[in-house]
Amino acid sequence: MPLPKIEEVRKLNDQELAEAIVAAKRELFELRLQKATQRLEKNHQFKHLRHRISQMMTVERERQIAAAKAAEEASTDTPPTTDQQPDTQPETTEEE
């Protein structure tokens, strides 16, 4: 069985990705439990599952970075607004 491809993970939306990460971590826990009780027959499943989790977490982090970068660019594109009104009257001096 080949290792999973990252293209499959990139097709998921954010909600599905988060759910898949939780499900994979739960499955990894189950594998550890089976190993502890000596019921695990396929040891290679650890490698595949850890690989899959790392792919999903990488894609999730890439999306977080892209969202932060987009938010930063959006905040720098708009000019800062000031609440102060410009002075329309000329300043008077004491000499007058």
PDB file of N, CA and C in Angstrom:
ATOM      1  N   MET A   1       0.851  -1.180   0.000  1.00  0.00           N
ATOM      2  CA  MET A   1       0.000   0.000   0.000  1.00  0.00           C
ATOM      3  C   MET A   1       0.895   1.242   0.000  1.00  0.00           C
ATOM      4  N   PRO A   2       0.771   2.106  -1.012  1.00  0.00           N
ATOM      5  CA  PRO A   2       1.620   3.293  -1.081  1.00  0.00           C
ATOM      6  C   PRO A   2       1.185   4.349  -0.067  1.00  0.00           C
ATOM      7  N   LEU A   3       2.108   5.253   0.206  1.00  0.00           N
ATOM      8  CA  LEU A   3       1.798   6.354   1.115  1.00  0.00           C
ATOM      9  C   LEU A   3       0.764   7.269   0.470  1.00  0.00           C
ATOM     10  N   PRO A   4      -0.075   7.911   1.280  1.00  0.00           N
ATOM     11  CA  PRO A   4      -1.107   8.793   0.725  1.00  0.00           C
ATOM     12  C   PRO A   4      -0.494  10.022   0.055  1.00  0.00           C
ATOM     13  N   LYS A   5      -1.196  10.545  -0.929  1.00  0.00           N
ATOM     14  CA  LYS A   5      -0.735  11.708  -1.680  1.00  0.00           C
ATOM     15  C   LYS A   5      -1.285  12.986  -1.054  1.00  0.00           C
ATOM     16  N   ILE A   6      -0.478  14.029  -1.084  1.00  0.00           N
ATOM     17  CA  ILE A   6      -0.879  15.292  -0.467  1.00  0.00           C
ATOM     18  C   ILE A   6      -1.964  15.988  -1.299  1.00  0.00           C
ATOM     19  N   GLU A   7      -2.080  15.669  -2.586  1.00  0.00           N
ATOM     20  CA  GLU A   7      -3.124  16.279  -3.414  1.00  0.00           C
ATOM     21  C   GLU A   7      -4.517  15.955  -2.869  1.00  0.00           C
ATOM     22  N   GLU A   8      -4.651  14.761  -2.302  1.00  0.00           N
ATOM     23  CA  GLU A   8      -5.939  14.367  -1.722  1.00  0.00           C
ATOM     24  C   GLU A   8      -6.292  15.260  -0.538  1.00  0.00           C
ATOM     25  N   VAL A   9      -5.287  15.633   0.229  1.00  0.00           N
ATOM     26  CA  VAL A   9      -5.505  16.470   1.407  1.00  0.00           C
ATOM     27  C   VAL A   9      -5.830  17.899   0.989  1.00  0.00           C
ATOM     28  N   ARG A  10      -5.163  18.385  -0.043  1.00  0.00           N
ATOM     29  CA  ARG A  10      -5.385  19.765  -0.497  1.00  0.00           C
ATOM     30  C   ARG A  10      -6.798  19.982  -1.036  1.00  0.00           C
ATOM     31  N   LYS A  11      -7.471  18.919  -1.454  1.00  0.00           N
ATOM     32  CA  LYS A  11      -8.831  19.034  -1.979  1.00  0.00           C
ATOM     33  C   LYS A  11      -9.868  19.262  -0.878  1.00  0.00           C
ATOM     34  N   LEU A  12      -9.513  18.963   0.361  1.00  0.00           N
ATOM     35  CA  LEU A  12     -10.452  19.113   1.473  1.00  0.00           C
ATOM     36  C   LEU A  12     -10.614  20.581   1.852  1.00  0.00           C
ATOM     37  N   ASN A  13     -11.820  20.951   2.309  1.00  0.00           N
ATOM     38  CA  ASN A  13     -11.987  22.304   2.827  1.00  0.00           C
ATOM     39  C   ASN A  13     -11.501  22.336   4.281  1.00  0.00           C
ATOM     40  N   ASP A  14     -11.511  23.521   4.878  1.00  0.00           N
ATOM     41  CA  ASP A  14     -10.930  23.680   6.215  1.00  0.00           C
ATOM     42  C   ASP A  14     -11.633  22.819   7.261  1.00  0.00           C
ATOM     43  N   GLN A  15     -12.952  22.761   7.215  1.00  0.00           N
ATOM     44  CA  GLN A  15     -13.707  21.983   8.196  1.00  0.00           C
ATOM     45  C   GLN A  15     -13.425  20.492   8.047  1.00  0.00           C
ATOM     46  N   GLU A  16     -13.441  20.001   6.811  1.00  0.00           N
ATOM     47  CA  GLU A  16     -13.160  18.587   6.569  1.00  0.00           C
ATOM     48  C   GLU A  16     -11.741  18.228   6.984  1.00  0.00           C
ATOM     49  N   LEU A  17     -10.808  19.164   6.751  1.00  0.00           N
ATOM     50  CA  LEU A  17      -9.416  18.934   7.121  1.00  0.00           C
ATOM     51  C   LEU A  17      -9.261  18.803   8.634  1.00  0.00           C
ATOM     52  N   ALA A  18      -9.909  19.689   9.369  1.00  0.00           N
ATOM     53  CA  ALA A  18      -9.831  19.626  10.835  1.00  0.00           C
ATOM     54  C   ALA A  18     -10.430  18.319  11.356  1.00  0.00           C
ATOM     55  N   GLU A  19     -11.553  17.910  10.782  1.00  0.00           N
ATOM     56  CA  GLU A  19     -12.184  16.658  11.192  1.00  0.00           C
ATOM     57  C   GLU A  19     -11.302  15.453  10.851  1.00  0.00           C
ATOM     58  N   ALA A  20     -10.648  15.504   9.692  1.00  0.00           N
ATOM     59  CA  ALA A  20      -9.786  14.406   9.278  1.00  0.00           C
ATOM     60  C   ALA A  20      -8.572  14.282  10.199  1.00  0.00           C
ATOM     61  N   ILE A  21      -8.036  15.413  10.639  1.00  0.00           N
ATOM     62  CA  ILE A  21      -6.896  15.382  11.563  1.00  0.00           C
ATOM     63  C   ILE A  21      -7.297  14.728  12.879  1.00  0.00           C
ATOM     64  N   VAL A  22      -8.447  15.122  13.405  1.00  0.00           N
ATOM     65  CA  VAL A  22      -8.922  14.544  14.667  1.00  0.00           C
ATOM     66  C   VAL A  22      -9.163  13.042  14.503  1.00  0.00           C
ATOM     67  N   ALA A  23      -9.771  12.648  13.395  1.00  0.00           N
ATOM     68  CA  ALA A  23     -10.048  11.229  13.163  1.00  0.00           C
ATOM     69  C   ALA A  23      -8.749  10.428  13.040  1.00  0.00           C
ATOM     70  N   ALA A  24      -7.765  10.993  12.366  1.00  0.00           N
ATOM     71  CA  ALA A  24      -6.499  10.288  12.192  1.00  0.00           C
ATOM     72  C   ALA A  24      -5.757  10.153  13.520  1.00  0.00           C
ATOM     73  N   LYS A  25      -5.801  11.195  14.341  1.00  0.00           N
ATOM     74  CA  LYS A  25      -5.153  11.117  15.655  1.00  0.00           C
ATOM     75  C   LYS A  25      -5.843  10.082  16.539  1.00  0.00           C
ATOM     76  N   ARG A  26      -7.163   9.995  16.421  1.00  0.00           N
ATOM     77  CA  ARG A  26      -7.911   8.985  17.183  1.00  0.00           C
ATOM     78  C   ARG A  26      -7.531   7.585  16.699  1.00  0.00           C
ATOM     79  N   GLU A  27      -7.387   7.437  15.392  1.00  0.00           N
ATOM     80  CA  GLU A  27      -7.002   6.140  14.835  1.00  0.00           C
ATOM     81  C   GLU A  27      -5.593   5.757  15.274  1.00  0.00           C
ATOM     82  N   LEU A  28      -4.693   6.748  15.350  1.00  0.00           N
ATOM     83  CA  LEU A  28      -3.338   6.479  15.832  1.00  0.00           C
ATOM     84  C   LEU A  28      -3.364   5.995  17.283  1.00  0.00           C
ATOM     85  N   PHE A  29      -4.231   6.604  18.075  1.00  0.00           N
ATOM     86  CA  PHE A  29      -4.400   6.154  19.464  1.00  0.00           C
ATOM     87  C   PHE A  29      -4.863   4.706  19.502  1.00  0.00           C
ATOM     88  N   GLU A  30      -5.820   4.375  18.642  1.00  0.00           N
ATOM     89  CA  GLU A  30      -6.323   2.999  18.583  1.00  0.00           C
ATOM     90  C   GLU A  30      -5.218   2.015  18.186  1.00  0.00           C
ATOM     91  N   LEU A  31      -4.366   2.428  17.253  1.00  0.00           N
ATOM     92  CA  LEU A  31      -3.248   1.559  16.863  1.00  0.00           C
ATOM     93  C   LEU A  31      -2.300   1.323  18.030  1.00  0.00           C
ATOM     94  N   ARG A  32      -2.029   2.389  18.788  1.00  0.00           N
ATOM     95  CA  ARG A  32      -1.161   2.230  19.958  1.00  0.00           C
ATOM     96  C   ARG A  32      -1.779   1.287  20.982  1.00  0.00           C
ATOM     97  N   LEU A  33      -3.077   1.403  21.137  1.00  0.00           N
ATOM     98  CA  LEU A  33      -3.779   0.523  22.068  1.00  0.00           C
ATOM     99  C   LEU A  33      -3.691  -0.929  21.601  1.00  0.00           C
ATOM    100  N   GLN A  34      -3.877  -1.155  20.304  1.00  0.00           N
ATOM    101  CA  GLN A  34      -3.769  -2.508  19.765  1.00  0.00           C
ATOM    102  C   GLN A  34      -2.350  -3.058  19.935  1.00  0.00           C
ATOM    103  N   LYS A  35      -1.358  -2.194  19.753  1.00  0.00           N
ATOM    104  CA  LYS A  35       0.021  -2.633  19.920  1.00  0.00           C
ATOM    105  C   LYS A  35       0.294  -3.018  21.372  1.00  0.00           C
ATOM    106  N   ALA A  36      -0.241  -2.228  22.299  1.00  0.00           N
ATOM    107  CA  ALA A  36      -0.029  -2.504  23.714  1.00  0.00           C
ATOM    108  C   ALA A  36      -0.691  -3.815  24.139  1.00  0.00           C
ATOM    109  N   THR A  37      -1.822  -4.132  23.526  1.00  0.00           N
ATOM    110  CA  THR A  37      -2.530  -5.361  23.875  1.00  0.00           C
ATOM    111  C   THR A  37      -2.143  -6.522  22.958  1.00  0.00           C
ATOM    112  N   GLN A  38      -1.127  -6.282  22.116  1.00  0.00           N
ATOM    113  CA  GLN A  38      -0.588  -7.292  21.207  1.00  0.00           C
ATOM    114  C   GLN A  38      -1.629  -7.827  20.230  1.00  0.00           C
ATOM    115  N   ARG A  39      -2.503  -6.962  19.757  1.00  0.00           N
ATOM    116  CA  ARG A  39      -3.487  -7.353  18.752  1.00  0.00           C
ATOM    117  C   ARG A  39      -3.175  -6.741  17.390  1.00  0.00           C
ATOM    118  N   LEU A  40      -2.089  -5.973  17.292  1.00  0.00           N
ATOM    119  CA  LEU A  40      -1.741  -5.290  16.045  1.00  0.00           C
ATOM    120  C   LEU A  40      -1.022  -6.260  15.117  1.00  0.00           C
ATOM    121  N   GLU A  41      -1.533  -6.395  13.902  1.00  0.00           N
ATOM    122  CA  GLU A  41      -0.934  -7.302  12.940  1.00  0.00           C
ATOM    123  C   GLU A  41      -0.114  -6.569  11.882  1.00  0.00           C
ATOM    124  N   LYS A  42      -0.509  -5.335  11.562  1.00  0.00           N
ATOM    125  CA  LYS A  42       0.145  -4.590  10.482  1.00  0.00           C
ATOM    126  C   LYS A  42       0.876  -3.383  11.054  1.00  0.00           C
ATOM    127  N   ASN A  43       2.161  -3.568  11.343  1.00  0.00           N
ATOM    128  CA  ASN A  43       2.947  -2.507  11.955  1.00  0.00           C
ATOM    129  C   ASN A  43       3.170  -1.314  11.032  1.00  0.00           C
ATOM    130  N   HIS A  44       3.091  -1.526   9.715  1.00  0.00           N
ATOM    131  CA  HIS A  44       3.324  -0.434   8.780  1.00  0.00           C
ATOM    132  C   HIS A  44       2.231   0.641   8.856  1.00  0.00           C
ATOM    133  N   GLN A  45       1.117   0.332   9.480  1.00  0.00           N
ATOM    134  CA  GLN A  45       0.037   1.310   9.585  1.00  0.00           C
ATOM    135  C   GLN A  45       0.462   2.549  10.372  1.00  0.00           C
ATOM    136  N   PHE A  46       1.380   2.378  11.316  1.00  0.00           N
ATOM    137  CA  PHE A  46       1.881   3.525  12.069  1.00  0.00           C
ATOM    138  C   PHE A  46       2.535   4.533  11.121  1.00  0.00           C
ATOM    139  N   LYS A  47       3.393   4.031  10.267  1.00  0.00           N
ATOM    140  CA  LYS A  47       4.112   4.907   9.339  1.00  0.00           C
ATOM    141  C   LYS A  47       3.134   5.643   8.428  1.00  0.00           C
ATOM    142  N   HIS A  48       2.198   4.929   7.872  1.00  0.00           N
ATOM    143  CA  HIS A  48       1.238   5.525   6.955  1.00  0.00           C
ATOM    144  C   HIS A  48       0.371   6.576   7.654  1.00  0.00           C
ATOM    145  N   LEU A  49      -0.054   6.261   8.840  1.00  0.00           N
ATOM    146  CA  LEU A  49      -0.933   7.177   9.565  1.00  0.00           C
ATOM    147  C   LEU A  49      -0.185   8.423  10.022  1.00  0.00           C
ATOM    148  N   ARG A  50       1.022   8.256  10.512  1.00  0.00           N
ATOM    149  CA  ARG A  50       1.823   9.431  10.911  1.00  0.00           C
ATOM    150  C   ARG A  50       2.127  10.305   9.705  1.00  0.00           C
ATOM    151  N   HIS A  51       2.396   9.679   8.569  1.00  0.00           N
ATOM    152  CA  HIS A  51       2.642  10.420   7.331  1.00  0.00           C
ATOM    153  C   HIS A  51       1.402  11.218   6.932  1.00  0.00           C
ATOM    154  N   ARG A  52       0.264  10.587   7.011  1.00  0.00           N
ATOM    155  CA  ARG A  52      -1.008  11.235   6.659  1.00  0.00           C
ATOM    156  C   ARG A  52      -1.290  12.422   7.589  1.00  0.00           C
ATOM    157  N   ILE A  53      -1.076  12.237   8.881  1.00  0.00           N
ATOM    158  CA  ILE A  53      -1.306  13.317   9.847  1.00  0.00           C
ATOM    159  C   ILE A  53      -0.369  14.484   9.555  1.00  0.00           C
ATOM    160  N   SER A  54       0.888  14.190   9.269  1.00  0.00           N
ATOM    161  CA  SER A  54       1.836  15.273   8.990  1.00  0.00           C
ATOM    162  C   SER A  54       1.450  16.028   7.724  1.00  0.00           C
ATOM    163  N   GLN A  55       0.947  15.343   6.721  1.00  0.00           N
ATOM    164  CA  GLN A  55       0.480  16.006   5.508  1.00  0.00           C
ATOM    165  C   GLN A  55      -0.684  16.944   5.821  1.00  0.00           C
ATOM    166  N   MET A  56      -1.643  16.448   6.572  1.00  0.00           N
ATOM    167  CA  MET A  56      -2.817  17.264   6.892  1.00  0.00           C
ATOM    168  C   MET A  56      -2.439  18.482   7.718  1.00  0.00           C
ATOM    169  N   MET A  57      -1.551  18.284   8.678  1.00  0.00           N
ATOM    170  CA  MET A  57      -1.148  19.411   9.525  1.00  0.00           C
ATOM    171  C   MET A  57      -0.323  20.438   8.732  1.00  0.00           C
ATOM    172  N   THR A  58       0.440  19.960   7.751  1.00  0.00           N
ATOM    173  CA  THR A  58       1.203  20.859   6.896  1.00  0.00           C
ATOM    174  C   THR A  58       0.269  21.713   6.056  1.00  0.00           C
ATOM    175  N   VAL A  59      -0.728  21.105   5.456  1.00  0.00           N
ATOM    176  CA  VAL A  59      -1.693  21.848   4.646  1.00  0.00           C
ATOM    177  C   VAL A  59      -2.457  22.840   5.513  1.00  0.00           C
ATOM    178  N   GLU A  60      -2.828  22.423   6.711  1.00  0.00           N
ATOM    179  CA  GLU A  60      -3.539  23.319   7.624  1.00  0.00           C
ATOM    180  C   GLU A  60      -2.674  24.539   7.963  1.00  0.00           C
ATOM    181  N   ARG A  61      -1.403  24.310   8.234  1.00  0.00           N
ATOM    182  CA  ARG A  61      -0.496  25.419   8.566  1.00  0.00           C
ATOM    183  C   ARG A  61      -0.271  26.328   7.364  1.00  0.00           C
ATOM    184  N   GLU A  62      -0.155  25.753   6.168  1.00  0.00           N
ATOM    185  CA  GLU A  62      -0.017  26.563   4.956  1.00  0.00           C
ATOM    186  C   GLU A  62      -1.211  27.492   4.793  1.00  0.00           C
ATOM    187  N   ARG A  63      -2.389  26.978   5.052  1.00  0.00           N
ATOM    188  CA  ARG A  63      -3.598  27.800   4.930  1.00  0.00           C
ATOM    189  C   ARG A  63      -3.634  28.889   5.990  1.00  0.00           C
ATOM    190  N   GLN A  64      -3.175  28.586   7.206  1.00  0.00           N
ATOM    191  CA  GLN A  64      -3.122  29.603   8.255  1.00  0.00           C
ATOM    192  C   GLN A  64      -2.163  30.728   7.871  1.00  0.00           C
ATOM    193  N   ILE A  65      -1.010  30.369   7.335  1.00  0.00           N
ATOM    194  CA  ILE A  65      -0.030  31.372   6.925  1.00  0.00           C
ATOM    195  C   ILE A  65      -0.573  32.211   5.783  1.00  0.00           C
ATOM    196  N   ALA A  66      -1.220  31.578   4.816  1.00  0.00           N
ATOM    197  CA  ALA A  66      -1.784  32.309   3.680  1.00  0.00           C
ATOM    198  C   ALA A  66      -2.881  33.272   4.140  1.00  0.00           C
ATOM    199  N   ALA A  67      -3.707  32.839   5.088  1.00  0.00           N
ATOM    200  CA  ALA A  67      -4.771  33.702   5.599  1.00  0.00           C
ATOM    201  C   ALA A  67      -4.187  34.891   6.362  1.00  0.00           C
ATOM    202  N   ALA A  68      -3.149  34.650   7.143  1.00  0.00           N
ATOM    203  CA  ALA A  68      -2.519  35.736   7.891  1.00  0.00           C
ATOM    204  C   ALA A  68      -1.859  36.726   6.940  1.00  0.00           C
ATOM    205  N   LYS A  69      -1.237  36.218   5.897  1.00  0.00           N
ATOM    206  CA  LYS A  69      -0.588  37.084   4.918  1.00  0.00           C
ATOM    207  C   LYS A  69      -1.630  37.917   4.168  1.00  0.00           C
ATOM    208  N   ALA A  70      -2.743  37.307   3.812  1.00  0.00           N
ATOM    209  CA  ALA A  70      -3.808  38.028   3.121  1.00  0.00           C
ATOM    210  C   ALA A  70      -4.400  39.111   4.019  1.00  0.00           C
ATOM    211  N   ALA A  71      -4.565  38.797   5.289  1.00  0.00           N
ATOM    212  CA  ALA A  71      -5.098  39.785   6.229  1.00  0.00           C
ATOM    213  C   ALA A  71      -4.118  40.933   6.412  1.00  0.00           C
ATOM    214  N   GLU A  72      -2.831  40.625   6.445  1.00  0.00           N
ATOM    215  CA  GLU A  72      -1.811  41.663   6.595  1.00  0.00           C
ATOM    216  C   GLU A  72      -1.788  42.575   5.375  1.00  0.00           C
ATOM    217  N   GLU A  73      -1.872  41.973   4.187  1.00  0.00           N
ATOM    218  CA  GLU A  73      -1.884  42.770   2.958  1.00  0.00           C
ATOM    219  C   GLU A  73      -3.136  43.631   2.878  1.00  0.00           C
ATOM    220  N   ALA A  74      -4.256  43.095   3.324  1.00  0.00           N
ATOM    221  CA  ALA A  74      -5.503  43.861   3.288  1.00  0.00           C
ATOM    222  C   ALA A  74      -5.428  45.051   4.241  1.00  0.00           C
ATOM    223  N   SER A  75      -4.777  44.878   5.361  1.00  0.00           N
ATOM    224  CA  SER A  75      -4.686  45.972   6.325  1.00  0.00           C
ATOM    225  C   SER A  75      -3.699  47.036   5.866  1.00  0.00           C
ATOM    226  N   THR A  76      -2.685  46.686   5.094  1.00  0.00           N
ATOM    227  CA  THR A  76      -1.724  47.676   4.616  1.00  0.00           C
ATOM    228  C   THR A  76      -2.191  48.365   3.345  1.00  0.00           C
ATOM    229  N   ASP A  77      -3.125  47.769   2.616  1.00  0.00           N
ATOM    230  CA  ASP A  77      -3.639  48.376   1.387  1.00  0.00           C
ATOM    231  C   ASP A  77      -4.534  49.565   1.675  1.00  0.00           C
ATOM    232  N   THR A  78      -5.258  49.553   2.756  1.00  0.00           N
ATOM    233  CA  THR A  78      -6.160  50.652   3.074  1.00  0.00           C
ATOM    234  C   THR A  78      -5.406  51.719   3.846  1.00  0.00           C
ATOM    235  N   PRO A  79      -5.578  52.993   3.455  1.00  0.00           N
ATOM    236  CA  PRO A  79      -4.868  54.046   4.182  1.00  0.00           C
ATOM    237  C   PRO A  79      -5.443  54.205   5.580  1.00  0.00           C
ATOM    238  N   PRO A  80      -4.614  54.555   6.530  1.00  0.00           N
ATOM    239  CA  PRO A  80      -5.117  54.717   7.901  1.00  0.00           C
ATOM    240  C   PRO A  80      -6.067  55.906   7.978  1.00  0.00           C
ATOM    241  N   THR A  81      -7.114  55.736   8.726  1.00  0.00           N
ATOM    242  CA  THR A  81      -8.084  56.814   8.883  1.00  0.00           C
ATOM    243  C   THR A  81      -7.833  57.515  10.204  1.00  0.00           C
ATOM    244  N   THR A  82      -8.061  58.819  10.173  1.00  0.00           N
ATOM    245  CA  THR A  82      -7.903  59.592  11.404  1.00  0.00           C
ATOM    246  C   THR A  82      -9.251  60.171  11.778  1.00  0.00           C
ATOM    247  N   ASP A  83      -9.495  60.246  13.054  1.00  0.00           N
ATOM    248  CA  ASP A  83     -10.754  60.786  13.542  1.00  0.00           C
ATOM    249  C   ASP A  83     -10.688  62.291  13.750  1.00  0.00           C
ATOM    250  N   GLN A  84      -9.507  62.868  13.649  1.00  0.00           N
ATOM    251  CA  GLN A  84      -9.343  64.287  13.883  1.00  0.00           C
ATOM    252  C   GLN A  84      -9.687  65.073  12.627  1.00  0.00           C
ATOM    253  N   GLN A  85     -10.346  66.215  12.814  1.00  0.00           N
ATOM    254  CA  GLN A  85     -10.675  67.118  11.723  1.00  0.00           C
ATOM    255  C   GLN A  85      -9.508  68.077  11.527  1.00  0.00           C
ATOM    256  N   PRO A  86      -9.178  68.400  10.292  1.00  0.00           N
ATOM    257  CA  PRO A  86      -8.096  69.343  10.087  1.00  0.00           C
ATOM    258  C   PRO A  86      -8.511  70.735  10.555  1.00  0.00           C
ATOM    259  N   ASP A  87      -7.564  71.495  11.013  1.00  0.00           N
ATOM    260  CA  ASP A  87      -7.838  72.861  11.469  1.00  0.00           C
ATOM    261  C   ASP A  87      -8.097  73.727  10.250  1.00  0.00           C
ATOM    262  N   THR A  88      -9.240  74.393  10.241  1.00  0.00           N
ATOM    263  CA  THR A  88      -9.593  75.252   9.115  1.00  0.00           C
ATOM    264  C   THR A  88      -9.330  76.724   9.437  1.00  0.00           C
ATOM    265  N   GLN A  89      -9.188  77.064  10.690  1.00  0.00           N
ATOM    266  CA  GLN A  89      -8.941  78.449  11.080  1.00  0.00           C
ATOM    267  C   GLN A  89      -7.446  78.637  11.280  1.00  0.00           C
ATOM    268  N   PRO A  90      -6.932  79.735  10.789  1.00  0.00           N
ATOM    269  CA  PRO A  90      -5.500  79.987  11.004  1.00  0.00           C
ATOM    270  C   PRO A  90      -5.242  80.302  12.467  1.00  0.00           C
ATOM    271  N   GLU A  91      -4.085  79.959  12.900  1.00  0.00           N
ATOM    272  CA  GLU A  91      -3.729  80.206  14.292  1.00  0.00           C
ATOM    273  C   GLU A  91      -3.471  81.700  14.491  1.00  0.00           C
ATOM    274  N   THR A  92      -3.890  82.205  15.593  1.00  0.00           N
ATOM    275  CA  THR A  92      -3.659  83.620  15.902  1.00  0.00           C
ATOM    276  C   THR A  92      -2.478  83.718  16.835  1.00  0.00           C
ATOM    277  N   THR A  93      -1.756  84.779  16.695  1.00  0.00           N
ATOM    278  CA  THR A  93      -0.612  85.002  17.580  1.00  0.00           C
ATOM    279  C   THR A  93      -0.954  86.081  18.588  1.00  0.00           C
ATOM    280  N   GLU A  94      -0.188  86.214  19.613  1.00  0.00           N
ATOM    281  CA  GLU A  94      -0.439  87.195  20.648  1.00  0.00           C
ATOM    282  C   GLU A  94      -0.142  88.605  20.197  1.00  0.00           C
ATOM    283  N   GLU A  95       0.642  88.784  19.190  1.00  0.00           N
ATOM    284  CA  GLU A  95       1.035  90.096  18.715  1.00  0.00           C
ATOM    285  C   GLU A  95      -0.117  90.818  18.076  1.00  0.00           C
ATOM    286  N   GLU A  96      -1.071  90.181  17.522  1.00  0.00           N
ATOM    287  CA  GLU A  96      -2.176  90.827  16.820  1.00  0.00           C
ATOM    288  C   GLU A  96      -3.113  91.465  17.735  1.00  0.00           C
TER     289      GLU A  96
END
